[in-house]
Amino acid sequence: MPRTNGPAADTAGVRTGAAGLFSVMAAFPTGVAIVTTTAEHGRPVGLTTTALCSVSARPPLLLVSIGERSRTLPWLRERRRFLVHVMGGDGAAGVCARFASADGDKFAGTPWRYTGSGLPLLEDDVIAWGECETEQEVEAGDHTVIVGRYLGGERLGGPGPLVYHARTYRDTPWG
């Protein structure tokens, strides 16, 4: 006999497939990060992601999930080193929207510099960053999950993190 906690849920109007998943996940607030690496001749490339999380403390691992159509993904695969930037601050939403776009030079108008290992580090609207080396890649549907070994980074403090909720960037009051 199936176990229940009350009357059966009304499943009329339940959305399935990608649209249903997007609707449910829009209710889940997530932090926003920008992932950067380099392409040919050290050209900086990057993307915005809300799919970033820690995986393990020993060894220190995190993961990012990248869409297969991303123009940055081939360079992440080739370079095998990347930076994650946890975003927050007055200009963070605009920077994240630009890095989420497929249009134009994502780095135009955004102060950045190369790290000692040659990776592009954003300088504004970043509240923490970490450098990673690819440990593993896992194909998952129309995305690739990249597990990176955390090599080092810095929490910079400042404003609260930028959050993505209900398909909108939102500032948070805590820092």
N, C-alpha and C. Protein backbone atom coordinates (compact mmCIF):
# COMPACT_ATOMS: atom_id res chain seq x y z
N MET A 1 0.85 -1.18 0.00
CA MET A 1 0.00 0.00 0.00
C MET A 1 0.89 1.24 0.00
N PRO A 2 0.67 2.20 -0.94
CA PRO A 2 1.50 3.40 -0.98
C PRO A 2 1.28 4.26 0.25
N ARG A 3 2.34 4.86 0.70
CA ARG A 3 2.29 5.73 1.86
C ARG A 3 1.92 7.14 1.41
N THR A 4 1.00 7.79 2.13
CA THR A 4 0.60 9.14 1.78
C THR A 4 0.62 10.02 3.02
N ASN A 5 0.71 11.29 2.81
CA ASN A 5 0.68 12.26 3.91
C ASN A 5 -0.60 13.08 3.87
N GLY A 6 -1.61 12.60 3.23
CA GLY A 6 -2.86 13.33 3.11
C GLY A 6 -3.46 13.06 1.76
N PRO A 7 -4.38 13.92 1.37
CA PRO A 7 -5.03 13.71 0.08
C PRO A 7 -4.03 13.84 -1.07
N ALA A 8 -4.31 13.15 -2.15
CA ALA A 8 -3.44 13.19 -3.33
C ALA A 8 -3.37 14.62 -3.87
N ALA A 9 -2.20 14.98 -4.33
CA ALA A 9 -2.01 16.31 -4.91
C ALA A 9 -2.77 16.42 -6.21
N ASP A 10 -3.29 17.61 -6.46
CA ASP A 10 -3.96 17.87 -7.74
C ASP A 10 -2.86 18.10 -8.78
N THR A 11 -2.77 17.24 -9.75
CA THR A 11 -1.71 17.35 -10.75
C THR A 11 -2.18 18.05 -12.02
N ALA A 12 -3.41 18.56 -12.00
CA ALA A 12 -3.87 19.33 -13.16
C ALA A 12 -2.99 20.57 -13.29
N GLY A 13 -2.53 20.84 -14.46
CA GLY A 13 -1.68 22.02 -14.68
C GLY A 13 -0.21 21.78 -14.40
N VAL A 14 0.16 20.58 -14.01
CA VAL A 14 1.57 20.28 -13.78
C VAL A 14 2.32 20.38 -15.10
N ARG A 15 3.42 21.11 -15.09
CA ARG A 15 4.21 21.29 -16.30
C ARG A 15 5.35 20.28 -16.29
N THR A 16 5.58 19.67 -17.43
CA THR A 16 6.65 18.70 -17.56
C THR A 16 7.67 19.19 -18.58
N GLY A 17 8.71 18.42 -18.76
CA GLY A 17 9.73 18.76 -19.75
C GLY A 17 10.53 19.99 -19.36
N ALA A 18 11.22 20.57 -20.35
CA ALA A 18 12.10 21.70 -20.10
C ALA A 18 11.34 22.90 -19.53
N ALA A 19 10.16 23.20 -20.05
CA ALA A 19 9.40 24.34 -19.55
C ALA A 19 9.05 24.16 -18.07
N GLY A 20 8.67 22.96 -17.69
CA GLY A 20 8.36 22.69 -16.30
C GLY A 20 9.59 22.82 -15.41
N LEU A 21 10.71 22.28 -15.88
CA LEU A 21 11.95 22.38 -15.12
C LEU A 21 12.35 23.84 -14.94
N PHE A 22 12.29 24.62 -16.02
CA PHE A 22 12.64 26.05 -15.93
C PHE A 22 11.74 26.77 -14.94
N SER A 23 10.45 26.45 -14.95
CA SER A 23 9.51 27.08 -14.04
C SER A 23 9.84 26.77 -12.59
N VAL A 24 10.11 25.51 -12.30
CA VAL A 24 10.45 25.12 -10.94
C VAL A 24 11.78 25.75 -10.51
N MET A 25 12.79 25.70 -11.37
CA MET A 25 14.10 26.24 -11.00
C MET A 25 14.08 27.76 -10.86
N ALA A 26 13.15 28.44 -11.53
CA ALA A 26 13.04 29.89 -11.38
C ALA A 26 12.65 30.27 -9.96
N ALA A 27 12.06 29.34 -9.23
CA ALA A 27 11.68 29.58 -7.83
C ALA A 27 12.87 29.40 -6.88
N PHE A 28 13.96 28.86 -7.39
CA PHE A 28 15.13 28.56 -6.55
C PHE A 28 16.17 29.67 -6.73
N PRO A 29 16.42 30.50 -5.71
CA PRO A 29 17.42 31.55 -5.86
C PRO A 29 18.83 30.96 -5.87
N THR A 30 19.65 31.47 -6.76
CA THR A 30 21.03 31.00 -6.85
C THR A 30 21.97 32.19 -6.92
N GLY A 31 23.20 31.96 -6.52
CA GLY A 31 24.23 32.96 -6.72
C GLY A 31 24.59 33.04 -8.20
N VAL A 32 25.31 34.08 -8.56
CA VAL A 32 25.69 34.29 -9.95
C VAL A 32 27.20 34.40 -10.03
N ALA A 33 27.78 33.69 -10.98
CA ALA A 33 29.23 33.71 -11.16
C ALA A 33 29.56 33.91 -12.62
N ILE A 34 30.75 34.43 -12.85
CA ILE A 34 31.29 34.51 -14.20
C ILE A 34 32.52 33.62 -14.23
N VAL A 35 32.60 32.78 -15.26
CA VAL A 35 33.73 31.87 -15.46
C VAL A 35 34.56 32.45 -16.61
N THR A 36 35.86 32.56 -16.41
CA THR A 36 36.74 33.08 -17.47
C THR A 36 37.92 32.14 -17.70
N THR A 37 38.41 32.18 -18.91
CA THR A 37 39.62 31.47 -19.31
C THR A 37 40.18 32.21 -20.52
N THR A 38 41.11 31.60 -21.22
CA THR A 38 41.66 32.23 -22.41
C THR A 38 41.47 31.35 -23.63
N ALA A 39 41.41 32.03 -24.78
CA ALA A 39 41.31 31.36 -26.07
C ALA A 39 42.67 31.49 -26.76
N GLU A 40 42.66 31.43 -28.08
CA GLU A 40 43.91 31.53 -28.83
C GLU A 40 44.59 32.87 -28.54
N HIS A 41 45.92 32.83 -28.49
CA HIS A 41 46.75 34.01 -28.27
C HIS A 41 46.43 34.73 -26.97
N GLY A 42 45.89 34.03 -25.98
CA GLY A 42 45.59 34.63 -24.68
C GLY A 42 44.35 35.51 -24.66
N ARG A 43 43.55 35.47 -25.72
CA ARG A 43 42.32 36.28 -25.77
C ARG A 43 41.38 35.83 -24.65
N PRO A 44 40.87 36.79 -23.84
CA PRO A 44 39.98 36.41 -22.73
C PRO A 44 38.59 36.02 -23.23
N VAL A 45 38.03 34.98 -22.65
CA VAL A 45 36.67 34.53 -22.94
C VAL A 45 35.98 34.20 -21.62
N GLY A 46 34.66 34.25 -21.61
CA GLY A 46 33.95 33.94 -20.38
C GLY A 46 32.46 33.83 -20.57
N LEU A 47 31.78 33.46 -19.50
CA LEU A 47 30.34 33.27 -19.51
C LEU A 47 29.79 33.45 -18.11
N THR A 48 28.49 33.70 -18.04
CA THR A 48 27.78 33.78 -16.77
C THR A 48 27.17 32.43 -16.47
N THR A 49 27.20 32.05 -15.19
CA THR A 49 26.56 30.80 -14.78
C THR A 49 25.89 30.97 -13.42
N THR A 50 24.81 30.25 -13.24
CA THR A 50 24.21 30.12 -11.92
C THR A 50 24.38 28.69 -11.42
N ALA A 51 25.05 27.87 -12.23
CA ALA A 51 25.28 26.46 -11.88
C ALA A 51 26.71 26.30 -11.40
N LEU A 52 26.94 26.69 -10.17
CA LEU A 52 28.25 26.61 -9.52
C LEU A 52 28.02 26.11 -8.10
N CYS A 53 28.78 25.11 -7.70
CA CYS A 53 28.66 24.67 -6.31
C CYS A 53 29.93 23.94 -5.89
N SER A 54 30.15 23.91 -4.59
CA SER A 54 31.27 23.13 -4.07
C SER A 54 30.92 21.66 -4.15
N VAL A 55 31.94 20.82 -4.29
CA VAL A 55 31.74 19.38 -4.42
C VAL A 55 32.40 18.65 -3.26
N SER A 56 33.62 19.04 -2.93
CA SER A 56 34.40 18.29 -1.95
C SER A 56 35.41 19.22 -1.27
N ALA A 57 35.71 18.94 -0.01
CA ALA A 57 36.75 19.68 0.70
C ALA A 57 38.11 18.99 0.58
N ARG A 58 38.10 17.66 0.47
CA ARG A 58 39.34 16.89 0.37
C ARG A 58 39.23 15.90 -0.77
N PRO A 59 39.72 16.21 -1.94
CA PRO A 59 40.41 17.44 -2.32
C PRO A 59 39.40 18.56 -2.55
N PRO A 60 39.87 19.81 -2.54
CA PRO A 60 38.95 20.93 -2.75
C PRO A 60 38.48 20.99 -4.20
N LEU A 61 37.19 20.69 -4.41
CA LEU A 61 36.62 20.64 -5.76
C LEU A 61 35.35 21.47 -5.81
N LEU A 62 35.12 22.07 -6.97
CA LEU A 62 33.85 22.73 -7.25
C LEU A 62 33.42 22.33 -8.65
N LEU A 63 32.18 22.63 -8.99
CA LEU A 63 31.72 22.32 -10.34
C LEU A 63 30.99 23.49 -10.94
N VAL A 64 31.07 23.56 -12.26
CA VAL A 64 30.29 24.49 -13.05
C VAL A 64 29.65 23.69 -14.17
N SER A 65 28.45 24.07 -14.54
CA SER A 65 27.74 23.40 -15.62
C SER A 65 27.64 24.37 -16.78
N ILE A 66 28.11 23.93 -17.95
CA ILE A 66 28.22 24.79 -19.12
C ILE A 66 27.41 24.20 -20.27
N GLY A 67 26.58 25.01 -20.89
CA GLY A 67 25.78 24.57 -22.04
C GLY A 67 26.67 24.20 -23.21
N GLU A 68 26.28 23.13 -23.91
CA GLU A 68 27.07 22.64 -25.04
C GLU A 68 27.22 23.66 -26.16
N ARG A 69 26.30 24.62 -26.26
CA ARG A 69 26.39 25.63 -27.32
C ARG A 69 27.25 26.82 -26.94
N SER A 70 27.77 26.83 -25.72
CA SER A 70 28.60 27.95 -25.27
C SER A 70 29.87 28.06 -26.10
N ARG A 71 30.19 29.26 -26.53
CA ARG A 71 31.43 29.47 -27.28
C ARG A 71 32.65 29.42 -26.37
N THR A 72 32.44 29.50 -25.07
CA THR A 72 33.55 29.42 -24.11
C THR A 72 33.92 27.97 -23.80
N LEU A 73 32.97 27.05 -23.91
CA LEU A 73 33.21 25.65 -23.54
C LEU A 73 34.42 25.03 -24.24
N PRO A 74 34.60 25.20 -25.55
CA PRO A 74 35.79 24.59 -26.18
C PRO A 74 37.10 25.08 -25.57
N TRP A 75 37.13 26.35 -25.17
CA TRP A 75 38.35 26.90 -24.58
C TRP A 75 38.55 26.40 -23.15
N LEU A 76 37.46 26.21 -22.42
CA LEU A 76 37.58 25.61 -21.08
C LEU A 76 38.13 24.19 -21.19
N ARG A 77 37.67 23.46 -22.20
CA ARG A 77 38.16 22.09 -22.41
C ARG A 77 39.65 22.09 -22.80
N GLU A 78 40.03 23.01 -23.66
CA GLU A 78 41.41 23.04 -24.13
C GLU A 78 42.37 23.58 -23.07
N ARG A 79 42.01 24.68 -22.44
CA ARG A 79 42.90 25.34 -21.47
C ARG A 79 43.00 24.55 -20.18
N ARG A 80 41.87 23.98 -19.71
CA ARG A 80 41.81 23.17 -18.49
C ARG A 80 42.13 23.94 -17.22
N ARG A 81 42.11 25.25 -17.31
CA ARG A 81 42.24 26.13 -16.14
C ARG A 81 41.25 27.26 -16.32
N PHE A 82 40.67 27.68 -15.21
CA PHE A 82 39.68 28.75 -15.29
C PHE A 82 39.54 29.46 -13.96
N LEU A 83 38.94 30.63 -14.02
CA LEU A 83 38.60 31.39 -12.82
C LEU A 83 37.10 31.43 -12.66
N VAL A 84 36.63 31.35 -11.43
CA VAL A 84 35.23 31.63 -11.12
C VAL A 84 35.20 32.93 -10.33
N HIS A 85 34.28 33.80 -10.69
CA HIS A 85 34.11 35.09 -10.03
C HIS A 85 32.71 35.11 -9.42
N VAL A 86 32.62 35.23 -8.10
CA VAL A 86 31.33 35.38 -7.44
C VAL A 86 30.98 36.86 -7.51
N MET A 87 29.82 37.15 -8.08
CA MET A 87 29.49 38.53 -8.41
C MET A 87 28.61 39.20 -7.37
N GLY A 88 28.82 40.51 -7.19
CA GLY A 88 28.01 41.34 -6.29
C GLY A 88 28.39 42.79 -6.48
N GLY A 89 27.47 43.70 -6.23
CA GLY A 89 27.76 45.12 -6.36
C GLY A 89 26.84 45.79 -7.36
N ASP A 90 26.95 47.11 -7.41
CA ASP A 90 26.05 47.92 -8.22
C ASP A 90 26.06 47.57 -9.70
N GLY A 91 27.22 47.25 -10.26
CA GLY A 91 27.30 46.96 -11.69
C GLY A 91 27.25 45.50 -12.05
N ALA A 92 27.13 44.63 -11.05
CA ALA A 92 27.23 43.18 -11.29
C ALA A 92 26.15 42.66 -12.24
N ALA A 93 24.93 43.13 -12.10
CA ALA A 93 23.85 42.62 -12.97
C ALA A 93 24.14 42.94 -14.43
N GLY A 94 24.64 44.13 -14.71
CA GLY A 94 24.96 44.49 -16.09
C GLY A 94 26.09 43.66 -16.66
N VAL A 95 27.12 43.45 -15.85
CA VAL A 95 28.26 42.63 -16.29
C VAL A 95 27.79 41.20 -16.55
N CYS A 96 26.98 40.66 -15.64
CA CYS A 96 26.50 39.29 -15.81
C CYS A 96 25.61 39.16 -17.03
N ALA A 97 24.77 40.15 -17.30
CA ALA A 97 23.93 40.11 -18.50
C ALA A 97 24.80 40.11 -19.75
N ARG A 98 25.87 40.92 -19.75
CA ARG A 98 26.76 40.96 -20.92
C ARG A 98 27.47 39.62 -21.11
N PHE A 99 27.96 39.01 -20.03
CA PHE A 99 28.66 37.73 -20.14
C PHE A 99 27.70 36.58 -20.45
N ALA A 100 26.39 36.78 -20.21
CA ALA A 100 25.41 35.75 -20.57
C ALA A 100 25.02 35.84 -22.03
N SER A 101 25.36 36.94 -22.67
CA SER A 101 25.00 37.17 -24.07
C SER A 101 26.01 36.51 -25.00
N ALA A 102 25.57 36.23 -26.20
CA ALA A 102 26.47 35.71 -27.23
C ALA A 102 27.00 36.84 -28.11
N ASP A 103 26.63 38.07 -27.79
CA ASP A 103 26.98 39.21 -28.63
C ASP A 103 28.23 39.94 -28.13
N GLY A 104 29.01 40.42 -29.06
CA GLY A 104 30.08 41.37 -28.80
C GLY A 104 31.19 40.91 -27.88
N ASP A 105 32.04 41.88 -27.54
CA ASP A 105 33.18 41.66 -26.66
C ASP A 105 32.71 41.75 -25.21
N LYS A 106 32.64 40.65 -24.54
CA LYS A 106 32.13 40.61 -23.18
C LYS A 106 33.01 41.40 -22.21
N PHE A 107 34.28 41.55 -22.53
CA PHE A 107 35.21 42.23 -21.63
C PHE A 107 35.26 43.73 -21.85
N ALA A 108 34.64 44.23 -22.92
CA ALA A 108 34.64 45.67 -23.21
C ALA A 108 33.95 46.43 -22.08
N GLY A 109 34.62 47.44 -21.55
CA GLY A 109 34.04 48.25 -20.49
C GLY A 109 34.13 47.63 -19.11
N THR A 110 34.74 46.47 -19.00
CA THR A 110 34.89 45.79 -17.71
C THR A 110 36.37 45.73 -17.36
N PRO A 111 36.78 46.38 -16.27
CA PRO A 111 38.19 46.31 -15.89
C PRO A 111 38.60 44.88 -15.54
N TRP A 112 39.72 44.45 -16.08
CA TRP A 112 40.25 43.13 -15.81
C TRP A 112 41.75 43.15 -16.02
N ARG A 113 42.40 42.09 -15.53
CA ARG A 113 43.84 41.92 -15.71
C ARG A 113 44.14 40.44 -15.76
N TYR A 114 45.34 40.11 -16.25
CA TYR A 114 45.77 38.71 -16.24
C TYR A 114 46.35 38.38 -14.87
N THR A 115 46.05 37.18 -14.39
CA THR A 115 46.68 36.67 -13.17
C THR A 115 48.08 36.19 -13.51
N GLY A 116 48.84 35.80 -12.52
CA GLY A 116 50.18 35.25 -12.75
C GLY A 116 50.17 34.02 -13.61
N SER A 117 49.04 33.28 -13.61
CA SER A 117 48.93 32.08 -14.45
C SER A 117 48.32 32.38 -15.82
N GLY A 118 48.10 33.68 -16.11
CA GLY A 118 47.63 34.06 -17.43
C GLY A 118 46.12 33.99 -17.65
N LEU A 119 45.34 33.97 -16.58
CA LEU A 119 43.89 33.92 -16.70
C LEU A 119 43.28 35.30 -16.48
N PRO A 120 42.18 35.62 -17.17
CA PRO A 120 41.57 36.94 -17.03
C PRO A 120 40.75 37.06 -15.74
N LEU A 121 41.19 37.99 -14.87
CA LEU A 121 40.55 38.24 -13.58
C LEU A 121 39.77 39.55 -13.66
N LEU A 122 38.47 39.49 -13.45
CA LEU A 122 37.64 40.69 -13.42
C LEU A 122 37.96 41.48 -12.16
N GLU A 123 37.94 42.80 -12.25
CA GLU A 123 38.35 43.63 -11.12
C GLU A 123 37.21 44.35 -10.42
N ASP A 124 36.06 44.50 -11.06
CA ASP A 124 34.93 45.21 -10.45
C ASP A 124 33.76 44.26 -10.26
N ASP A 125 32.97 44.52 -9.22
CA ASP A 125 31.73 43.79 -8.96
C ASP A 125 31.97 42.31 -8.68
N VAL A 126 33.17 41.98 -8.19
CA VAL A 126 33.54 40.62 -7.81
C VAL A 126 33.74 40.61 -6.30
N ILE A 127 33.03 39.72 -5.61
CA ILE A 127 33.17 39.66 -4.15
C ILE A 127 34.05 38.49 -3.71
N ALA A 128 34.34 37.57 -4.63
CA ALA A 128 35.27 36.47 -4.36
C ALA A 128 35.63 35.85 -5.71
N TRP A 129 36.80 35.25 -5.76
CA TRP A 129 37.20 34.56 -6.99
C TRP A 129 38.07 33.37 -6.61
N GLY A 130 38.09 32.39 -7.50
CA GLY A 130 38.91 31.21 -7.29
C GLY A 130 39.45 30.69 -8.61
N GLU A 131 40.67 30.19 -8.55
CA GLU A 131 41.28 29.58 -9.74
C GLU A 131 41.16 28.07 -9.62
N CYS A 132 40.83 27.44 -10.75
CA CYS A 132 40.62 26.00 -10.76
C CYS A 132 41.33 25.36 -11.94
N GLU A 133 41.65 24.09 -11.75
CA GLU A 133 42.19 23.27 -12.82
C GLU A 133 41.20 22.13 -13.05
N THR A 134 40.86 21.87 -14.30
CA THR A 134 39.86 20.83 -14.60
C THR A 134 40.35 19.47 -14.12
N GLU A 135 39.53 18.86 -13.32
CA GLU A 135 39.79 17.53 -12.78
C GLU A 135 39.01 16.47 -13.57
N GLN A 136 37.79 16.85 -13.99
CA GLN A 136 36.91 15.89 -14.65
C GLN A 136 35.85 16.64 -15.45
N GLU A 137 35.42 16.04 -16.55
CA GLU A 137 34.30 16.55 -17.33
C GLU A 137 33.25 15.45 -17.41
N VAL A 138 32.00 15.82 -17.23
CA VAL A 138 30.90 14.87 -17.28
C VAL A 138 29.83 15.43 -18.23
N GLU A 139 29.51 14.68 -19.26
CA GLU A 139 28.43 15.09 -20.15
C GLU A 139 27.11 14.78 -19.46
N ALA A 140 26.23 15.79 -19.43
CA ALA A 140 24.94 15.64 -18.78
C ALA A 140 23.89 16.35 -19.62
N GLY A 141 23.18 15.60 -20.44
CA GLY A 141 22.18 16.19 -21.32
C GLY A 141 22.82 17.16 -22.28
N ASP A 142 22.31 18.38 -22.31
CA ASP A 142 22.85 19.40 -23.22
C ASP A 142 23.88 20.29 -22.54
N HIS A 143 24.47 19.80 -21.45
CA HIS A 143 25.50 20.53 -20.72
C HIS A 143 26.70 19.63 -20.46
N THR A 144 27.82 20.28 -20.15
CA THR A 144 28.99 19.59 -19.65
C THR A 144 29.26 20.11 -18.25
N VAL A 145 29.37 19.21 -17.31
CA VAL A 145 29.72 19.57 -15.94
C VAL A 145 31.23 19.48 -15.84
N ILE A 146 31.85 20.58 -15.48
CA ILE A 146 33.29 20.61 -15.30
C ILE A 146 33.57 20.65 -13.81
N VAL A 147 34.26 19.64 -13.34
CA VAL A 147 34.69 19.59 -11.95
C VAL A 147 36.10 20.14 -11.91
N GLY A 148 36.28 21.19 -11.13
CA GLY A 148 37.59 21.84 -11.05
C GLY A 148 38.20 21.70 -9.68
N ARG A 149 39.50 21.45 -9.66
CA ARG A 149 40.25 21.44 -8.40
C ARG A 149 40.56 22.89 -8.05
N TYR A 150 40.11 23.32 -6.88
CA TYR A 150 40.35 24.68 -6.43
C TYR A 150 41.83 24.83 -6.08
N LEU A 151 42.49 25.78 -6.72
CA LEU A 151 43.93 26.00 -6.51
C LEU A 151 44.21 27.17 -5.59
N GLY A 152 43.33 28.13 -5.53
CA GLY A 152 43.52 29.30 -4.70
C GLY A 152 42.59 30.40 -5.14
N GLY A 153 42.45 31.41 -4.31
CA GLY A 153 41.58 32.52 -4.63
C GLY A 153 41.49 33.46 -3.46
N GLU A 154 40.44 34.27 -3.47
CA GLU A 154 40.34 35.30 -2.45
C GLU A 154 38.88 35.72 -2.28
N ARG A 155 38.48 35.90 -1.02
CA ARG A 155 37.20 36.52 -0.72
C ARG A 155 37.48 37.99 -0.50
N LEU A 156 36.85 38.84 -1.29
CA LEU A 156 37.14 40.26 -1.27
C LEU A 156 36.21 41.05 -0.38
N GLY A 157 35.10 40.47 0.01
CA GLY A 157 34.14 41.20 0.84
C GLY A 157 33.36 42.20 0.00
N GLY A 158 32.90 43.24 0.66
CA GLY A 158 32.14 44.26 -0.05
C GLY A 158 30.66 44.01 0.03
N PRO A 159 29.94 44.32 -1.06
CA PRO A 159 28.48 44.19 -1.04
C PRO A 159 28.05 42.73 -0.98
N GLY A 160 26.76 42.53 -0.81
CA GLY A 160 26.21 41.18 -0.82
C GLY A 160 26.28 40.58 -2.21
N PRO A 161 26.09 39.28 -2.31
CA PRO A 161 26.16 38.60 -3.60
C PRO A 161 24.96 38.94 -4.49
N LEU A 162 25.20 38.90 -5.77
CA LEU A 162 24.12 39.00 -6.75
C LEU A 162 23.42 37.65 -6.78
N VAL A 163 22.09 37.67 -6.81
CA VAL A 163 21.30 36.45 -6.82
C VAL A 163 20.41 36.46 -8.06
N TYR A 164 20.19 35.28 -8.62
CA TYR A 164 19.28 35.13 -9.75
C TYR A 164 18.06 34.38 -9.24
N HIS A 165 16.89 35.02 -9.35
CA HIS A 165 15.65 34.43 -8.86
C HIS A 165 14.51 34.89 -9.75
N ALA A 166 13.64 33.98 -10.12
CA ALA A 166 12.49 34.28 -10.96
C ALA A 166 12.92 34.99 -12.25
N ARG A 167 14.03 34.49 -12.80
CA ARG A 167 14.59 34.98 -14.07
C ARG A 167 15.00 36.46 -14.02
N THR A 168 15.39 36.91 -12.81
CA THR A 168 15.78 38.30 -12.60
C THR A 168 17.00 38.35 -11.69
N TYR A 169 17.96 39.23 -12.01
CA TYR A 169 19.08 39.47 -11.11
C TYR A 169 18.58 40.34 -9.96
N ARG A 170 19.01 39.99 -8.74
CA ARG A 170 18.60 40.73 -7.55
C ARG A 170 19.80 40.95 -6.64
N ASP A 171 19.96 42.18 -6.17
CA ASP A 171 20.99 42.47 -5.18
C ASP A 171 20.53 41.98 -3.82
N THR A 172 21.48 41.61 -2.98
CA THR A 172 21.14 41.20 -1.62
C THR A 172 21.72 42.22 -0.66
N PRO A 173 21.10 42.38 0.51
CA PRO A 173 21.55 43.40 1.44
C PRO A 173 22.75 43.03 2.29
N TRP A 174 23.14 41.78 2.32
CA TRP A 174 24.22 41.36 3.22
C TRP A 174 25.52 41.18 2.49
N GLY A 175 26.60 41.49 3.17
CA GLY A 175 27.91 41.40 2.55
C GLY A 175 28.89 40.66 3.39
